[in-house]
């Protein structure tokens, strides 16, 4: 029981433990996102673009709808 208590104290009460917790979370979510990206690309590899498809960066005139802002 002391081993578990010591591990939790180190993880949540020391700077190194908190940084390890944050770094581990970042790595975990990076791995999950990479796996999901690979699965999505494998599932939709021959997907042709249609009129219903949208893209966040699809605007050809620039990132603003007002031309004066793009100068």
PDB file of N, CA and C in Angstrom:
ATOM      1  N   UNK A   1       0.819  -1.189   0.000  1.00  0.00           N
ATOM      2  CA  UNK A   1       0.000   0.000   0.000  1.00  0.00           C
ATOM      3  C   UNK A   1       0.867   1.258   0.000  1.00  0.00           C
ATOM      4  N   UNK A   2       2.006   1.194   0.665  1.00  0.00           N
ATOM      5  CA  UNK A   2       2.908   2.341   0.697  1.00  0.00           C
ATOM      6  C   UNK A   2       3.486   2.636  -0.684  1.00  0.00           C
ATOM      7  N   UNK A   3       3.654   1.589  -1.494  1.00  0.00           N
ATOM      8  CA  UNK A   3       4.177   1.777  -2.840  1.00  0.00           C
ATOM      9  C   UNK A   3       3.200   2.585  -3.692  1.00  0.00           C
ATOM     10  N   UNK A   4       1.923   2.260  -3.602  1.00  0.00           N
ATOM     11  CA  UNK A   4       0.899   2.988  -4.361  1.00  0.00           C
ATOM     12  C   UNK A   4       0.792   4.425  -3.861  1.00  0.00           C
ATOM     13  N   UNK A   5       0.802   4.614  -2.560  1.00  0.00           N
ATOM     14  CA  UNK A   5       0.729   5.954  -1.984  1.00  0.00           C
ATOM     15  C   UNK A   5       1.929   6.793  -2.411  1.00  0.00           C
ATOM     16  N   UNK A   6       3.095   6.201  -2.379  1.00  0.00           N
ATOM     17  CA  UNK A   6       4.307   6.907  -2.800  1.00  0.00           C
ATOM     18  C   UNK A   6       4.263   7.275  -4.278  1.00  0.00           C
ATOM     19  N   UNK A   7       3.732   6.378  -5.108  1.00  0.00           N
ATOM     20  CA  UNK A   7       3.639   6.656  -6.538  1.00  0.00           C
ATOM     21  C   UNK A   7       2.671   7.807  -6.799  1.00  0.00           C
ATOM     22  N   UNK A   8       1.530   7.819  -6.123  1.00  0.00           N
ATOM     23  CA  UNK A   8       0.571   8.904  -6.309  1.00  0.00           C
ATOM     24  C   UNK A   8       1.113  10.233  -5.780  1.00  0.00           C
ATOM     25  N   UNK A   9       1.833  10.189  -4.661  1.00  0.00           N
ATOM     26  CA  UNK A   9       2.441  11.421  -4.147  1.00  0.00           C
ATOM     27  C   UNK A   9       3.471  11.959  -5.122  1.00  0.00           C
ATOM     28  N   UNK A  10       4.288  11.074  -5.694  1.00  0.00           N
ATOM     29  CA  UNK A  10       5.287  11.512  -6.660  1.00  0.00           C
ATOM     30  C   UNK A  10       4.612  12.057  -7.911  1.00  0.00           C
ATOM     31  N   UNK A  11       3.568  11.386  -8.375  1.00  0.00           N
ATOM     32  CA  UNK A  11       2.915  11.762  -9.624  1.00  0.00           C
ATOM     33  C   UNK A  11       2.184  13.094  -9.520  1.00  0.00           C
ATOM     34  N   UNK A  12       1.556  13.362  -8.393  1.00  0.00           N
ATOM     35  CA  UNK A  12       0.720  14.550  -8.282  1.00  0.00           C
ATOM     36  C   UNK A  12       1.305  15.670  -7.411  1.00  0.00           C
ATOM     37  N   UNK A  13       2.353  15.395  -6.623  1.00  0.00           N
ATOM     38  CA  UNK A  13       2.875  16.411  -5.722  1.00  0.00           C
ATOM     39  C   UNK A  13       4.287  16.872  -6.049  1.00  0.00           C
ATOM     40  N   UNK A  14       4.901  16.330  -7.081  1.00  0.00           N
ATOM     41  CA  UNK A  14       6.225  16.802  -7.483  1.00  0.00           C
ATOM     42  C   UNK A  14       6.163  17.362  -8.890  1.00  0.00           C
ATOM     43  N   UNK A  15       7.063  18.261  -9.175  1.00  0.00           N
ATOM     44  CA  UNK A  15       7.093  18.876 -10.501  1.00  0.00           C
ATOM     45  C   UNK A  15       7.408  17.839 -11.575  1.00  0.00           C
ATOM     46  N   UNK A  16       8.338  16.947 -11.295  1.00  0.00           N
ATOM     47  CA  UNK A  16       8.704  15.905 -12.251  1.00  0.00           C
ATOM     48  C   UNK A  16       7.530  14.971 -12.518  1.00  0.00           C
ATOM     49  N   UNK A  17       6.795  14.628 -11.483  1.00  0.00           N
ATOM     50  CA  UNK A  17       5.648  13.754 -11.647  1.00  0.00           C
ATOM     51  C   UNK A  17       4.549  14.386 -12.483  1.00  0.00           C
ATOM     52  N   UNK A  18       4.274  15.656 -12.246  1.00  0.00           N
ATOM     53  CA  UNK A  18       3.234  16.351 -13.021  1.00  0.00           C
ATOM     54  C   UNK A  18       3.668  16.485 -14.474  1.00  0.00           C
ATOM     55  N   UNK A  19       4.937  16.809 -14.722  1.00  0.00           N
ATOM     56  CA  UNK A  19       5.433  16.888 -16.095  1.00  0.00           C
ATOM     57  C   UNK A  19       5.377  15.526 -16.784  1.00  0.00           C
ATOM     58  N   UNK A  20       5.656  14.466 -16.046  1.00  0.00           N
ATOM     59  CA  UNK A  20       5.540  13.120 -16.591  1.00  0.00           C
ATOM     60  C   UNK A  20       4.091  12.807 -16.935  1.00  0.00           C
ATOM     61  N   UNK A  21       3.180  13.201 -16.085  1.00  0.00           N
ATOM     62  CA  UNK A  21       1.758  12.981 -16.333  1.00  0.00           C
ATOM     63  C   UNK A  21       1.302  13.739 -17.577  1.00  0.00           C
ATOM     64  N   UNK A  22       1.704  14.991 -17.718  1.00  0.00           N
ATOM     65  CA  UNK A  22       1.351  15.778 -18.896  1.00  0.00           C
ATOM     66  C   UNK A  22       1.993  15.219 -20.165  1.00  0.00           C
ATOM     67  N   UNK A  23       3.255  14.888 -20.088  1.00  0.00           N
ATOM     68  CA  UNK A  23       3.943  14.319 -21.247  1.00  0.00           C
ATOM     69  C   UNK A  23       3.346  12.985 -21.672  1.00  0.00           C
ATOM     70  N   UNK A  24       3.005  12.157 -20.697  1.00  0.00           N
ATOM     71  CA  UNK A  24       2.367  10.877 -21.007  1.00  0.00           C
ATOM     72  C   UNK A  24       1.011  11.057 -21.663  1.00  0.00           C
ATOM     73  N   UNK A  25       0.259  12.059 -21.209  1.00  0.00           N
ATOM     74  CA  UNK A  25      -1.035  12.347 -21.827  1.00  0.00           C
ATOM     75  C   UNK A  25      -0.888  12.811 -23.253  1.00  0.00           C
ATOM     76  N   UNK A  26       0.098  13.663 -23.510  1.00  0.00           N
ATOM     77  CA  UNK A  26       0.341  14.141 -24.872  1.00  0.00           C
ATOM     78  C   UNK A  26       0.736  12.984 -25.782  1.00  0.00           C
ATOM     79  N   UNK A  27       1.615  12.133 -25.321  1.00  0.00           N
ATOM     80  CA  UNK A  27       2.046  10.977 -26.119  1.00  0.00           C
ATOM     81  C   UNK A  27       0.875  10.031 -26.365  1.00  0.00           C
ATOM     82  N   UNK A  28       0.067   9.795 -25.345  1.00  0.00           N
ATOM     83  CA  UNK A  28      -1.088   8.899 -25.490  1.00  0.00           C
ATOM     84  C   UNK A  28      -2.057   9.422 -26.544  1.00  0.00           C
ATOM     85  N   UNK A  29      -2.393  10.715 -26.479  1.00  0.00           N
ATOM     86  CA  UNK A  29      -3.317  11.272 -27.462  1.00  0.00           C
ATOM     87  C   UNK A  29      -2.705  11.338 -28.849  1.00  0.00           C
ATOM     88  N   UNK A  30      -1.387  11.523 -28.965  1.00  0.00           N
ATOM     89  CA  UNK A  30      -0.730  11.491 -30.261  1.00  0.00           C
ATOM     90  C   UNK A  30      -0.831  10.099 -30.883  1.00  0.00           C
ATOM     91  N   UNK A  31      -0.609   9.069 -30.084  1.00  0.00           N
ATOM     92  CA  UNK A  31      -0.711   7.693 -30.581  1.00  0.00           C
ATOM     93  C   UNK A  31      -2.139   7.392 -31.029  1.00  0.00           C
ATOM     94  N   UNK A  32      -3.125   7.793 -30.209  1.00  0.00           N
ATOM     95  CA  UNK A  32      -4.527   7.556 -30.562  1.00  0.00           C
ATOM     96  C   UNK A  32      -4.881   8.284 -31.855  1.00  0.00           C
ATOM     97  N   UNK A  33      -4.451   9.539 -32.003  1.00  0.00           N
ATOM     98  CA  UNK A  33      -4.782  10.293 -33.217  1.00  0.00           C
ATOM     99  C   UNK A  33      -4.099   9.702 -34.449  1.00  0.00           C
ATOM    100  N   UNK A  34      -2.879   9.203 -34.310  1.00  0.00           N
ATOM    101  CA  UNK A  34      -2.191   8.581 -35.440  1.00  0.00           C
ATOM    102  C   UNK A  34      -2.908   7.309 -35.877  1.00  0.00           C
ATOM    103  N   UNK A  35      -3.338   6.505 -34.915  1.00  0.00           N
ATOM    104  CA  UNK A  35      -4.063   5.276 -35.246  1.00  0.00           C
ATOM    105  C   UNK A  35      -5.374   5.595 -35.945  1.00  0.00           C
ATOM    106  N   UNK A  36      -6.122   6.559 -35.438  1.00  0.00           N
ATOM    107  CA  UNK A  36      -7.392   6.921 -36.059  1.00  0.00           C
ATOM    108  C   UNK A  36      -7.193   7.527 -37.446  1.00  0.00           C
ATOM    109  N   UNK A  37      -6.121   8.291 -37.637  1.00  0.00           N
ATOM    110  CA  UNK A  37      -5.833   8.859 -38.948  1.00  0.00           C
ATOM    111  C   UNK A  37      -5.515   7.762 -39.960  1.00  0.00           C
ATOM    112  N   UNK A  38      -4.738   6.769 -39.560  1.00  0.00           N
ATOM    113  CA  UNK A  38      -4.397   5.668 -40.461  1.00  0.00           C
ATOM    114  C   UNK A  38      -5.650   4.882 -40.830  1.00  0.00           C
ATOM    115  N   UNK A  39      -6.508   4.616 -39.863  1.00  0.00           N
ATOM    116  CA  UNK A  39      -7.748   3.893 -40.140  1.00  0.00           C
ATOM    117  C   UNK A  39      -8.657   4.674 -41.079  1.00  0.00           C
ATOM    118  N   UNK A  40      -8.743   5.983 -40.886  1.00  0.00           N
ATOM    119  CA  UNK A  40      -9.595   6.803 -41.743  1.00  0.00           C
ATOM    120  C   UNK A  40      -9.059   6.846 -43.169  1.00  0.00           C
ATOM    121  N   UNK A  41      -7.758   7.017 -43.324  1.00  0.00           N
ATOM    122  CA  UNK A  41      -7.175   7.037 -44.665  1.00  0.00           C
ATOM    123  C   UNK A  41      -7.318   5.693 -45.357  1.00  0.00           C
ATOM    124  N   UNK A  42      -7.224   4.598 -44.608  1.00  0.00           N
ATOM    125  CA  UNK A  42      -7.401   3.272 -45.206  1.00  0.00           C
ATOM    126  C   UNK A  42      -8.848   3.053 -45.638  1.00  0.00           C
ATOM    127  N   UNK A  43      -9.783   3.577 -44.883  1.00  0.00           N
ATOM    128  CA  UNK A  43     -11.194   3.381 -45.198  1.00  0.00           C
ATOM    129  C   UNK A  43     -11.633   4.236 -46.386  1.00  0.00           C
ATOM    130  N   UNK A  44     -11.139   5.463 -46.487  1.00  0.00           N
ATOM    131  CA  UNK A  44     -11.578   6.396 -47.523  1.00  0.00           C
ATOM    132  C   UNK A  44     -10.457   6.743 -48.496  1.00  0.00           C
ATOM    133  N   UNK A  45      -9.622   5.785 -48.874  1.00  0.00           N
ATOM    134  CA  UNK A  45      -8.479   6.106 -49.720  1.00  0.00           C
ATOM    135  C   UNK A  45      -8.877   6.457 -51.148  1.00  0.00           C
ATOM    136  N   UNK A  46     -10.004   5.959 -51.646  1.00  0.00           N
ATOM    137  CA  UNK A  46     -10.449   6.270 -53.002  1.00  0.00           C
ATOM    138  C   UNK A  46     -11.625   7.237 -53.009  1.00  0.00           C
ATOM    139  N   UNK A  47     -11.761   8.009 -51.985  1.00  0.00           N
ATOM    140  CA  UNK A  47     -12.883   8.938 -51.866  1.00  0.00           C
ATOM    141  C   UNK A  47     -12.681  10.118 -52.806  1.00  0.00           C
ATOM    142  N   UNK A  48     -13.615  10.284 -53.738  1.00  0.00           N
ATOM    143  CA  UNK A  48     -13.544  11.421 -54.652  1.00  0.00           C
ATOM    144  C   UNK A  48     -14.326  12.584 -54.071  1.00  0.00           C
ATOM    145  N   UNK A  49     -13.850  13.771 -54.307  1.00  0.00           N
ATOM    146  CA  UNK A  49     -14.468  14.979 -53.769  1.00  0.00           C
ATOM    147  C   UNK A  49     -15.778  15.270 -54.496  1.00  0.00           C
ATOM    148  N   UNK A  50     -16.818  15.563 -53.744  1.00  0.00           N
ATOM    149  CA  UNK A  50     -18.108  15.928 -54.318  1.00  0.00           C
ATOM    150  C   UNK A  50     -18.463  17.349 -53.888  1.00  0.00           C
ATOM    151  N   UNK A  51     -19.603  17.840 -54.360  1.00  0.00           N
ATOM    152  CA  UNK A  51     -20.022  19.191 -53.997  1.00  0.00           C
ATOM    153  C   UNK A  51     -20.405  19.300 -52.524  1.00  0.00           C
ATOM    154  N   UNK A  52     -20.804  18.194 -51.903  1.00  0.00           N
ATOM    155  CA  UNK A  52     -21.197  18.200 -50.500  1.00  0.00           C
ATOM    156  C   UNK A  52     -20.013  18.194 -49.542  1.00  0.00           C
ATOM    157  N   UNK A  53     -18.823  17.850 -50.048  1.00  0.00           N
ATOM    158  CA  UNK A  53     -17.638  17.833 -49.189  1.00  0.00           C
ATOM    159  C   UNK A  53     -17.200  19.256 -48.894  1.00  0.00           C
ATOM    160  N   UNK A  54     -16.733  19.484 -47.693  1.00  0.00           N
ATOM    161  CA  UNK A  54     -16.240  20.791 -47.313  1.00  0.00           C
ATOM    162  C   UNK A  54     -14.885  20.632 -46.657  1.00  0.00           C
ATOM    163  N   UNK A  55     -14.137  21.697 -46.687  1.00  0.00           N
ATOM    164  CA  UNK A  55     -12.803  21.700 -46.121  1.00  0.00           C
ATOM    165  C   UNK A  55     -12.619  23.016 -45.374  1.00  0.00           C
ATOM    166  N   UNK A  56     -11.999  22.952 -44.250  1.00  0.00           N
ATOM    167  CA  UNK A  56     -11.787  24.145 -43.442  1.00  0.00           C
ATOM    168  C   UNK A  56     -10.897  25.151 -44.161  1.00  0.00           C
ATOM    169  N   UNK A  57      -9.957  24.669 -44.976  1.00  0.00           N
ATOM    170  CA  UNK A  57      -9.011  25.531 -45.673  1.00  0.00           C
ATOM    171  C   UNK A  57      -9.296  25.562 -47.170  1.00  0.00           C
ATOM    172  N   UNK A  58     -10.560  25.526 -47.558  1.00  0.00           N
ATOM    173  CA  UNK A  58     -10.942  25.414 -48.959  1.00  0.00           C
ATOM    174  C   UNK A  58     -11.103  26.766 -49.641  1.00  0.00           C
ATOM    175  N   UNK A  59     -11.065  27.847 -48.909  1.00  0.00           N
ATOM    176  CA  UNK A  59     -11.303  29.164 -49.465  1.00  0.00           C
ATOM    177  C   UNK A  59     -10.120  29.582 -50.342  1.00  0.00           C
ATOM    178  N   UNK A  60     -10.360  29.804 -51.634  1.00  0.00           N
ATOM    179  CA  UNK A  60      -9.282  30.139 -52.563  1.00  0.00           C
ATOM    180  C   UNK A  60      -8.912  31.616 -52.532  1.00  0.00           C
ATOM    181  N   UNK A  61      -9.796  32.476 -52.068  1.00  0.00           N
ATOM    182  CA  UNK A  61      -9.522  33.902 -52.095  1.00  0.00           C
ATOM    183  C   UNK A  61      -8.680  34.365 -50.909  1.00  0.00           C
ATOM    184  N   UNK A  62      -8.376  33.513 -49.984  1.00  0.00           N
ATOM    185  CA  UNK A  62      -7.611  33.876 -48.795  1.00  0.00           C
ATOM    186  C   UNK A  62      -8.334  33.439 -47.550  1.00  0.00           C
ATOM    187  N   UNK A  63      -7.794  33.768 -46.422  1.00  0.00           N
ATOM    188  CA  UNK A  63      -8.385  33.294 -45.174  1.00  0.00           C
ATOM    189  C   UNK A  63      -9.469  34.210 -44.646  1.00  0.00           C
ATOM    190  N   UNK A  64      -9.722  35.329 -45.320  1.00  0.00           N
ATOM    191  CA  UNK A  64     -10.759  36.246 -44.903  1.00  0.00           C
ATOM    192  C   UNK A  64     -11.747  36.440 -46.036  1.00  0.00           C
ATOM    193  N   UNK A  65     -13.014  36.610 -45.694  1.00  0.00           N
ATOM    194  CA  UNK A  65     -14.030  36.826 -46.711  1.00  0.00           C
ATOM    195  C   UNK A  65     -13.935  38.232 -47.292  1.00  0.00           C
ATOM    196  N   UNK A  66     -13.295  39.153 -46.622  1.00  0.00           N
ATOM    197  CA  UNK A  66     -13.162  40.529 -47.075  1.00  0.00           C
ATOM    198  C   UNK A  66     -11.799  40.710 -47.726  1.00  0.00           C
ATOM    199  N   UNK A  67     -11.794  41.119 -48.997  1.00  0.00           N
ATOM    200  CA  UNK A  67     -10.548  41.244 -49.756  1.00  0.00           C
ATOM    201  C   UNK A  67      -9.605  42.291 -49.160  1.00  0.00           C
ATOM    202  N   UNK A  68     -10.155  43.327 -48.523  1.00  0.00           N
ATOM    203  CA  UNK A  68      -9.300  44.354 -47.934  1.00  0.00           C
ATOM    204  C   UNK A  68      -8.469  43.804 -46.776  1.00  0.00           C
ATOM    205  N   UNK A  69      -8.976  42.780 -46.081  1.00  0.00           N
ATOM    206  CA  UNK A  69      -8.236  42.187 -44.964  1.00  0.00           C
ATOM    207  C   UNK A  69      -7.083  41.312 -45.422  1.00  0.00           C
ATOM    208  N   UNK A  70      -7.125  40.866 -46.676  1.00  0.00           N
ATOM    209  CA  UNK A  70      -6.104  39.938 -47.178  1.00  0.00           C
ATOM    210  C   UNK A  70      -4.859  40.637 -47.691  1.00  0.00           C
ATOM    211  N   UNK A  71      -4.835  41.956 -47.673  1.00  0.00           N
ATOM    212  CA  UNK A  71      -3.669  42.683 -48.213  1.00  0.00           C
ATOM    213  C   UNK A  71      -2.631  42.896 -47.152  1.00  0.00           C
TER     214      UNK A  71
END
